[in-house]
Amino acid sequence: MKKGIIFICLLLTSLQLVAQQQKINLNKEHVAVEGYDLVAYFTENKAVKGNSMYQATDHGATYYFSSQKNKEAFEKNSSQYKPQYGGWCAYAIGKSGEYVEVDPKTFKIINHKLYLFYNKYLTNTLKLWNKEEATLLPNADKNWQTLGKK
C-alpha cells in the first residue's frame, strides 16, 4: 500500500513537471483553458464551458468537456484539439514571445488548429492578430520553439 501511494505521488509530480516544461497555461488546479471544452471549438465553432464530470488528463493538464462524446474524441487524439502555444495568447507569443493570459471565448481556428487570445480592458488581441496574421503566425511558431528551450 505504501509503495502504491509513493508511486502515485511520483507520477503526479512527474506529470506536473511535464506540464511546466511544456509551458501549458494552467490555473492553480491544473485545469487548462479555464475549463472550456476544446472539442466544442471545432464541432460547434464556439467556446463552451466544460464540466468537471467529463474530464481528461493529458501531460499533467486537466481538460473539461461538455459531454462524454467530446471527452472521448479528445482522448482518441488530444493533439488535434489542444490549443497552440500551450493555450497562451497567440498574439503575444507572435509579437513579443511573452506568456499572456487569454480569454477562452476569444479564439480563432486556422488550418484546423486552435489559437486563443487576450481580450480584456478594451484590448482584443484577436483584432490585432487579424491585421498582422501573415507576420505574426510564423513569428509565433518561431518564438514558441525558443520559449520551449528556456
N, C-alpha and C. Protein backbone atom coordinates (compact mmCIF):
# COMPACT_ATOMS: atom_id res chain seq x y z
N MET A 1 0.83 -1.20 0.00
CA MET A 1 0.00 0.00 0.00
C MET A 1 0.87 1.26 0.00
N LYS A 2 1.90 1.26 0.87
CA LYS A 2 2.79 2.41 0.96
C LYS A 2 3.50 2.65 -0.38
N LYS A 3 3.95 1.57 -1.02
CA LYS A 3 4.64 1.70 -2.31
C LYS A 3 3.70 2.28 -3.36
N GLY A 4 2.43 1.89 -3.31
CA GLY A 4 1.44 2.41 -4.25
C GLY A 4 1.23 3.90 -4.10
N ILE A 5 1.18 4.37 -2.85
CA ILE A 5 1.00 5.80 -2.59
C ILE A 5 2.22 6.58 -3.07
N ILE A 6 3.40 6.06 -2.80
CA ILE A 6 4.64 6.72 -3.25
C ILE A 6 4.67 6.79 -4.76
N PHE A 7 4.28 5.69 -5.42
CA PHE A 7 4.25 5.67 -6.89
C PHE A 7 3.30 6.73 -7.43
N ILE A 8 2.13 6.83 -6.85
CA ILE A 8 1.14 7.83 -7.31
C ILE A 8 1.69 9.24 -7.11
N CYS A 9 2.31 9.51 -5.98
CA CYS A 9 2.88 10.83 -5.73
C CYS A 9 3.97 11.16 -6.75
N LEU A 10 4.83 10.19 -7.03
CA LEU A 10 5.88 10.40 -8.03
C LEU A 10 5.29 10.64 -9.41
N LEU A 11 4.26 9.89 -9.74
CA LEU A 11 3.60 10.05 -11.04
C LEU A 11 3.00 11.44 -11.18
N LEU A 12 2.29 11.89 -10.15
CA LEU A 12 1.67 13.22 -10.20
C LEU A 12 2.73 14.30 -10.30
N THR A 13 3.82 14.16 -9.58
CA THR A 13 4.90 15.14 -9.64
C THR A 13 5.50 15.18 -11.03
N SER A 14 5.72 14.02 -11.63
CA SER A 14 6.31 14.00 -12.98
C SER A 14 5.35 14.59 -14.00
N LEU A 15 4.05 14.38 -13.85
CA LEU A 15 3.08 14.96 -14.77
C LEU A 15 3.08 16.48 -14.64
N GLN A 16 3.20 17.00 -13.42
CA GLN A 16 3.26 18.44 -13.22
C GLN A 16 4.52 19.01 -13.87
N LEU A 17 5.64 18.30 -13.74
CA LEU A 17 6.87 18.76 -14.36
C LEU A 17 6.77 18.80 -15.87
N VAL A 18 6.12 17.80 -16.44
CA VAL A 18 5.94 17.78 -17.90
C VAL A 18 5.12 18.99 -18.32
N ALA A 19 4.05 19.29 -17.60
CA ALA A 19 3.22 20.45 -17.94
C ALA A 19 4.03 21.73 -17.83
N GLN A 20 4.86 21.84 -16.78
CA GLN A 20 5.67 23.04 -16.62
C GLN A 20 6.70 23.14 -17.73
N GLN A 21 7.32 22.02 -18.11
CA GLN A 21 8.32 22.04 -19.16
C GLN A 21 7.70 22.47 -20.48
N GLN A 22 6.48 22.08 -20.72
CA GLN A 22 5.81 22.44 -21.96
C GLN A 22 5.14 23.80 -21.88
N LYS A 23 5.22 24.44 -20.72
CA LYS A 23 4.67 25.79 -20.54
C LYS A 23 3.18 25.88 -20.87
N ILE A 24 2.42 24.93 -20.37
CA ILE A 24 0.98 24.93 -20.60
C ILE A 24 0.32 25.94 -19.66
N ASN A 25 -0.61 26.71 -20.17
CA ASN A 25 -1.34 27.71 -19.41
C ASN A 25 -2.39 27.00 -18.56
N LEU A 26 -2.10 26.84 -17.27
CA LEU A 26 -2.99 26.13 -16.35
C LEU A 26 -3.38 27.04 -15.19
N ASN A 27 -4.56 26.81 -14.63
CA ASN A 27 -4.92 27.51 -13.40
C ASN A 27 -4.31 26.75 -12.22
N LYS A 28 -4.56 27.20 -11.01
CA LYS A 28 -3.91 26.56 -9.85
C LYS A 28 -4.40 25.14 -9.59
N GLU A 29 -5.52 24.75 -10.19
CA GLU A 29 -6.00 23.36 -10.08
C GLU A 29 -5.48 22.52 -11.25
N HIS A 30 -4.60 23.07 -12.05
CA HIS A 30 -4.00 22.42 -13.22
C HIS A 30 -5.02 22.17 -14.34
N VAL A 31 -6.06 23.02 -14.39
CA VAL A 31 -7.06 22.94 -15.45
C VAL A 31 -6.66 23.89 -16.57
N ALA A 32 -6.68 23.39 -17.78
CA ALA A 32 -6.31 24.18 -18.96
C ALA A 32 -7.53 24.89 -19.54
N VAL A 33 -7.28 25.95 -20.24
CA VAL A 33 -8.27 26.73 -20.99
C VAL A 33 -9.47 27.11 -20.12
N GLU A 34 -9.16 27.39 -18.85
CA GLU A 34 -10.19 27.81 -17.89
C GLU A 34 -11.40 26.88 -17.89
N GLY A 35 -11.17 25.63 -18.23
CA GLY A 35 -12.24 24.64 -18.19
C GLY A 35 -13.16 24.63 -19.40
N TYR A 36 -12.77 25.27 -20.47
CA TYR A 36 -13.59 25.26 -21.68
C TYR A 36 -13.34 23.97 -22.47
N ASP A 37 -14.35 23.53 -23.18
CA ASP A 37 -14.35 22.28 -23.94
C ASP A 37 -13.59 22.47 -25.25
N LEU A 38 -12.42 21.87 -25.37
CA LEU A 38 -11.61 22.03 -26.58
C LEU A 38 -12.28 21.47 -27.83
N VAL A 39 -12.99 20.40 -27.70
CA VAL A 39 -13.62 19.78 -28.86
C VAL A 39 -14.73 20.67 -29.41
N ALA A 40 -15.45 21.34 -28.53
CA ALA A 40 -16.56 22.21 -28.95
C ALA A 40 -16.09 23.36 -29.84
N TYR A 41 -14.87 23.83 -29.63
CA TYR A 41 -14.35 24.89 -30.52
C TYR A 41 -14.43 24.44 -31.97
N PHE A 42 -14.15 23.17 -32.20
CA PHE A 42 -14.11 22.64 -33.56
C PHE A 42 -15.48 22.16 -34.04
N THR A 43 -16.26 21.54 -33.17
CA THR A 43 -17.53 20.97 -33.61
C THR A 43 -18.67 21.98 -33.60
N GLU A 44 -18.61 22.96 -32.70
CA GLU A 44 -19.68 23.96 -32.60
C GLU A 44 -19.22 25.36 -33.00
N ASN A 45 -17.93 25.51 -33.24
CA ASN A 45 -17.32 26.80 -33.57
C ASN A 45 -17.67 27.88 -32.55
N LYS A 46 -17.69 27.48 -31.28
CA LYS A 46 -17.90 28.44 -30.20
C LYS A 46 -17.28 27.90 -28.92
N ALA A 47 -17.04 28.81 -27.99
CA ALA A 47 -16.49 28.45 -26.69
C ALA A 47 -17.62 27.95 -25.80
N VAL A 48 -17.47 26.72 -25.33
CA VAL A 48 -18.47 26.09 -24.47
C VAL A 48 -17.78 25.68 -23.17
N LYS A 49 -18.33 26.10 -22.06
CA LYS A 49 -17.75 25.75 -20.76
C LYS A 49 -17.89 24.25 -20.55
N GLY A 50 -16.80 23.62 -20.12
CA GLY A 50 -16.82 22.19 -19.84
C GLY A 50 -17.34 21.93 -18.44
N ASN A 51 -17.48 20.65 -18.13
CA ASN A 51 -18.00 20.21 -16.85
C ASN A 51 -16.95 19.27 -16.25
N SER A 52 -16.63 19.45 -14.97
CA SER A 52 -15.61 18.60 -14.34
C SER A 52 -16.02 17.13 -14.31
N MET A 53 -17.30 16.85 -14.54
CA MET A 53 -17.76 15.47 -14.60
C MET A 53 -17.16 14.75 -15.83
N TYR A 54 -16.85 15.52 -16.86
CA TYR A 54 -16.24 14.96 -18.08
C TYR A 54 -14.84 15.54 -18.19
N GLN A 55 -13.90 14.93 -17.54
CA GLN A 55 -12.54 15.46 -17.57
C GLN A 55 -11.54 14.41 -18.02
N ALA A 56 -10.47 14.90 -18.62
CA ALA A 56 -9.37 14.04 -19.06
C ALA A 56 -8.07 14.74 -18.69
N THR A 57 -7.05 13.94 -18.42
CA THR A 57 -5.74 14.48 -18.11
C THR A 57 -4.78 14.09 -19.21
N ASP A 58 -3.97 15.06 -19.62
CA ASP A 58 -3.01 14.84 -20.69
C ASP A 58 -1.75 15.65 -20.38
N HIS A 59 -0.63 14.98 -20.21
CA HIS A 59 0.65 15.64 -19.92
C HIS A 59 0.57 16.60 -18.73
N GLY A 60 -0.10 16.17 -17.67
CA GLY A 60 -0.16 16.97 -16.45
C GLY A 60 -1.22 18.04 -16.43
N ALA A 61 -1.94 18.20 -17.51
CA ALA A 61 -3.01 19.20 -17.58
C ALA A 61 -4.36 18.49 -17.57
N THR A 62 -5.32 19.11 -16.89
CA THR A 62 -6.67 18.58 -16.85
C THR A 62 -7.54 19.40 -17.80
N TYR A 63 -8.35 18.71 -18.58
CA TYR A 63 -9.25 19.35 -19.54
C TYR A 63 -10.67 18.95 -19.21
N TYR A 64 -11.60 19.91 -19.28
CA TYR A 64 -13.01 19.65 -19.05
C TYR A 64 -13.74 19.66 -20.39
N PHE A 65 -14.81 18.88 -20.45
CA PHE A 65 -15.62 18.77 -21.67
C PHE A 65 -17.09 18.89 -21.32
N SER A 66 -17.88 19.26 -22.29
CA SER A 66 -19.31 19.45 -22.05
C SER A 66 -20.10 18.15 -22.21
N SER A 67 -19.46 17.10 -22.72
CA SER A 67 -20.14 15.82 -22.90
C SER A 67 -19.14 14.68 -22.89
N GLN A 68 -19.64 13.49 -22.65
CA GLN A 68 -18.80 12.30 -22.71
C GLN A 68 -18.27 12.09 -24.13
N LYS A 69 -19.09 12.39 -25.11
CA LYS A 69 -18.68 12.25 -26.52
C LYS A 69 -17.46 13.12 -26.82
N ASN A 70 -17.46 14.37 -26.35
CA ASN A 70 -16.33 15.26 -26.59
C ASN A 70 -15.09 14.80 -25.84
N LYS A 71 -15.29 14.31 -24.63
CA LYS A 71 -14.16 13.78 -23.85
C LYS A 71 -13.52 12.62 -24.60
N GLU A 72 -14.32 11.73 -25.11
CA GLU A 72 -13.79 10.56 -25.84
C GLU A 72 -13.08 10.98 -27.12
N ALA A 73 -13.60 11.98 -27.81
CA ALA A 73 -12.94 12.47 -29.02
C ALA A 73 -11.56 13.02 -28.68
N PHE A 74 -11.46 13.76 -27.59
CA PHE A 74 -10.18 14.30 -27.14
C PHE A 74 -9.21 13.17 -26.79
N GLU A 75 -9.70 12.19 -26.07
CA GLU A 75 -8.84 11.08 -25.64
C GLU A 75 -8.32 10.27 -26.81
N LYS A 76 -9.06 10.22 -27.90
CA LYS A 76 -8.60 9.49 -29.09
C LYS A 76 -7.46 10.22 -29.79
N ASN A 77 -7.48 11.56 -29.76
CA ASN A 77 -6.46 12.33 -30.47
C ASN A 77 -6.33 13.73 -29.85
N SER A 78 -5.71 13.79 -28.69
CA SER A 78 -5.65 15.06 -27.95
C SER A 78 -4.92 16.15 -28.73
N SER A 79 -3.90 15.79 -29.47
CA SER A 79 -3.12 16.82 -30.18
C SER A 79 -3.95 17.53 -31.25
N GLN A 80 -5.00 16.90 -31.71
CA GLN A 80 -5.88 17.53 -32.71
C GLN A 80 -6.63 18.71 -32.11
N TYR A 81 -6.86 18.70 -30.81
CA TYR A 81 -7.72 19.70 -30.17
C TYR A 81 -6.99 20.70 -29.29
N LYS A 82 -5.83 20.36 -28.79
CA LYS A 82 -5.14 21.26 -27.86
C LYS A 82 -4.77 22.57 -28.54
N PRO A 83 -4.87 23.67 -27.79
CA PRO A 83 -4.56 24.98 -28.38
C PRO A 83 -3.07 25.13 -28.67
N GLN A 84 -2.78 25.95 -29.63
CA GLN A 84 -1.40 26.25 -29.97
C GLN A 84 -0.76 27.06 -28.85
N TYR A 85 0.55 26.96 -28.75
CA TYR A 85 1.35 27.74 -27.80
C TYR A 85 0.92 27.51 -26.36
N GLY A 86 0.53 26.28 -26.06
CA GLY A 86 0.20 25.92 -24.69
C GLY A 86 -1.03 26.60 -24.14
N GLY A 87 -1.81 27.23 -25.00
CA GLY A 87 -3.01 27.93 -24.55
C GLY A 87 -2.75 29.36 -24.12
N TRP A 88 -1.55 29.87 -24.39
CA TRP A 88 -1.24 31.27 -24.11
C TRP A 88 -1.69 32.12 -25.30
N CYS A 89 -1.72 33.41 -25.11
CA CYS A 89 -2.18 34.33 -26.15
C CYS A 89 -1.28 34.24 -27.39
N ALA A 90 -1.88 33.85 -28.49
CA ALA A 90 -1.12 33.70 -29.75
C ALA A 90 -0.53 35.03 -30.20
N TYR A 91 -1.26 36.11 -30.02
CA TYR A 91 -0.75 37.42 -30.43
C TYR A 91 0.52 37.77 -29.65
N ALA A 92 0.50 37.60 -28.35
CA ALA A 92 1.67 37.94 -27.52
C ALA A 92 2.85 37.04 -27.84
N ILE A 93 2.60 35.77 -28.08
CA ILE A 93 3.70 34.86 -28.45
C ILE A 93 4.30 35.32 -29.78
N GLY A 94 3.46 35.71 -30.73
CA GLY A 94 3.95 36.15 -32.04
C GLY A 94 4.59 37.52 -32.03
N LYS A 95 4.06 38.42 -31.23
CA LYS A 95 4.56 39.80 -31.22
C LYS A 95 5.84 39.95 -30.41
N SER A 96 5.85 39.36 -29.21
CA SER A 96 6.99 39.61 -28.31
C SER A 96 7.56 38.36 -27.65
N GLY A 97 6.95 37.20 -27.93
CA GLY A 97 7.43 35.97 -27.30
C GLY A 97 7.16 35.92 -25.80
N GLU A 98 6.06 36.52 -25.36
CA GLU A 98 5.72 36.57 -23.94
C GLU A 98 4.49 35.73 -23.65
N TYR A 99 4.44 35.20 -22.42
CA TYR A 99 3.27 34.47 -21.95
C TYR A 99 2.24 35.47 -21.44
N VAL A 100 1.07 35.48 -22.06
CA VAL A 100 -0.02 36.36 -21.65
C VAL A 100 -1.28 35.52 -21.54
N GLU A 101 -2.04 35.77 -20.48
CA GLU A 101 -3.30 35.05 -20.25
C GLU A 101 -4.26 35.26 -21.43
N VAL A 102 -5.29 34.44 -21.48
CA VAL A 102 -6.26 34.52 -22.57
C VAL A 102 -7.68 34.63 -22.03
N ASP A 103 -8.56 35.00 -22.92
CA ASP A 103 -10.00 34.89 -22.70
C ASP A 103 -10.43 33.73 -23.59
N PRO A 104 -10.79 32.58 -23.02
CA PRO A 104 -11.11 31.41 -23.84
C PRO A 104 -12.25 31.62 -24.83
N LYS A 105 -13.03 32.69 -24.65
CA LYS A 105 -14.11 32.98 -25.59
C LYS A 105 -13.60 33.73 -26.82
N THR A 106 -12.34 34.12 -26.80
CA THR A 106 -11.75 34.83 -27.93
C THR A 106 -10.75 33.90 -28.59
N PHE A 107 -11.14 33.37 -29.73
CA PHE A 107 -10.34 32.32 -30.38
C PHE A 107 -10.48 32.39 -31.89
N LYS A 108 -9.60 31.66 -32.54
CA LYS A 108 -9.66 31.53 -33.99
C LYS A 108 -9.10 30.16 -34.36
N ILE A 109 -9.73 29.52 -35.32
CA ILE A 109 -9.22 28.25 -35.83
C ILE A 109 -8.61 28.53 -37.19
N ILE A 110 -7.34 28.17 -37.31
CA ILE A 110 -6.59 28.36 -38.56
C ILE A 110 -6.00 27.02 -38.95
N ASN A 111 -6.32 26.56 -40.14
CA ASN A 111 -5.80 25.27 -40.61
C ASN A 111 -6.00 24.15 -39.58
N HIS A 112 -7.18 24.07 -39.04
CA HIS A 112 -7.57 23.04 -38.07
C HIS A 112 -6.78 23.10 -36.77
N LYS A 113 -6.29 24.28 -36.41
CA LYS A 113 -5.58 24.48 -35.15
C LYS A 113 -6.23 25.62 -34.38
N LEU A 114 -6.29 25.46 -33.05
CA LEU A 114 -6.95 26.42 -32.18
C LEU A 114 -5.95 27.44 -31.63
N TYR A 115 -6.28 28.72 -31.78
CA TYR A 115 -5.47 29.82 -31.27
C TYR A 115 -6.34 30.63 -30.31
N LEU A 116 -5.79 30.93 -29.14
CA LEU A 116 -6.51 31.70 -28.13
C LEU A 116 -5.88 33.08 -27.97
N PHE A 117 -6.70 34.04 -27.49
CA PHE A 117 -6.26 35.44 -27.44
C PHE A 117 -6.70 36.13 -26.16
N TYR A 118 -5.93 37.12 -25.77
CA TYR A 118 -6.25 38.01 -24.65
C TYR A 118 -7.36 38.95 -25.11
N ASN A 119 -8.34 39.19 -24.24
CA ASN A 119 -9.42 40.12 -24.57
C ASN A 119 -10.00 40.68 -23.27
N LYS A 120 -9.30 41.70 -22.74
CA LYS A 120 -9.74 42.35 -21.51
C LYS A 120 -9.33 43.82 -21.56
N TYR A 121 -9.99 44.62 -20.74
CA TYR A 121 -9.62 46.03 -20.58
C TYR A 121 -9.48 46.75 -21.92
N LEU A 122 -10.47 46.57 -22.78
CA LEU A 122 -10.55 47.24 -24.07
C LEU A 122 -9.46 46.82 -25.06
N THR A 123 -8.78 45.73 -24.80
CA THR A 123 -7.77 45.22 -25.73
C THR A 123 -8.14 43.81 -26.18
N ASN A 124 -8.52 43.71 -27.43
CA ASN A 124 -8.85 42.42 -28.03
C ASN A 124 -7.71 42.07 -28.99
N THR A 125 -6.82 41.17 -28.56
CA THR A 125 -5.65 40.87 -29.39
C THR A 125 -6.00 40.06 -30.64
N LEU A 126 -7.20 39.47 -30.69
CA LEU A 126 -7.61 38.78 -31.92
C LEU A 126 -7.74 39.80 -33.05
N LYS A 127 -8.28 40.96 -32.76
CA LYS A 127 -8.39 42.01 -33.78
C LYS A 127 -7.02 42.44 -34.27
N LEU A 128 -6.08 42.57 -33.35
CA LEU A 128 -4.71 42.94 -33.72
C LEU A 128 -4.05 41.82 -34.53
N TRP A 129 -4.28 40.59 -34.11
CA TRP A 129 -3.75 39.41 -34.82
C TRP A 129 -4.25 39.40 -36.26
N ASN A 130 -5.54 39.63 -36.44
CA ASN A 130 -6.12 39.58 -37.78
C ASN A 130 -5.47 40.58 -38.73
N LYS A 131 -5.04 41.70 -38.21
CA LYS A 131 -4.39 42.72 -39.04
C LYS A 131 -2.98 42.31 -39.46
N GLU A 132 -2.31 41.48 -38.65
CA GLU A 132 -0.92 41.13 -38.89
C GLU A 132 -0.68 39.61 -38.94
N GLU A 133 -1.72 38.85 -39.18
CA GLU A 133 -1.60 37.38 -39.09
C GLU A 133 -0.48 36.81 -39.96
N ALA A 134 -0.31 37.32 -41.15
CA ALA A 134 0.71 36.78 -42.05
C ALA A 134 2.11 36.87 -41.46
N THR A 135 2.36 37.89 -40.65
CA THR A 135 3.66 38.05 -39.99
C THR A 135 3.68 37.36 -38.63
N LEU A 136 2.60 37.52 -37.87
CA LEU A 136 2.57 37.02 -36.51
C LEU A 136 2.58 35.49 -36.42
N LEU A 137 1.90 34.83 -37.33
CA LEU A 137 1.83 33.37 -37.26
C LEU A 137 3.21 32.71 -37.37
N PRO A 138 4.01 33.03 -38.38
CA PRO A 138 5.35 32.42 -38.41
C PRO A 138 6.23 32.88 -37.24
N ASN A 139 6.06 34.14 -36.81
CA ASN A 139 6.83 34.62 -35.66
C ASN A 139 6.45 33.84 -34.40
N ALA A 140 5.17 33.59 -34.22
CA ALA A 140 4.70 32.86 -33.04
C ALA A 140 5.25 31.44 -33.04
N ASP A 141 5.23 30.79 -34.19
CA ASP A 141 5.78 29.43 -34.29
C ASP A 141 7.26 29.43 -33.91
N LYS A 142 7.99 30.40 -34.41
CA LYS A 142 9.43 30.52 -34.13
C LYS A 142 9.65 30.83 -32.65
N ASN A 143 8.92 31.80 -32.13
CA ASN A 143 9.08 32.19 -30.72
C ASN A 143 8.72 31.04 -29.79
N TRP A 144 7.70 30.26 -30.14
CA TRP A 144 7.29 29.16 -29.29
C TRP A 144 8.41 28.11 -29.18
N GLN A 145 9.09 27.87 -30.28
CA GLN A 145 10.22 26.93 -30.25
C GLN A 145 11.31 27.45 -29.31
N THR A 146 11.58 28.74 -29.35
CA THR A 146 12.59 29.34 -28.49
C THR A 146 12.16 29.29 -27.02
N LEU A 147 10.89 29.59 -26.75
CA LEU A 147 10.38 29.57 -25.37
C LEU A 147 10.48 28.18 -24.77
N GLY A 148 10.28 27.15 -25.58
CA GLY A 148 10.35 25.79 -25.10
C GLY A 148 11.74 25.38 -24.66
N LYS A 149 12.74 26.09 -25.11
CA LYS A 149 14.13 25.77 -24.77
C LYS A 149 14.62 26.52 -23.54
N LYS A 150 13.83 27.47 -23.07
CA LYS A 150 14.24 28.27 -21.91
C LYS A 150 13.99 27.52 -20.62
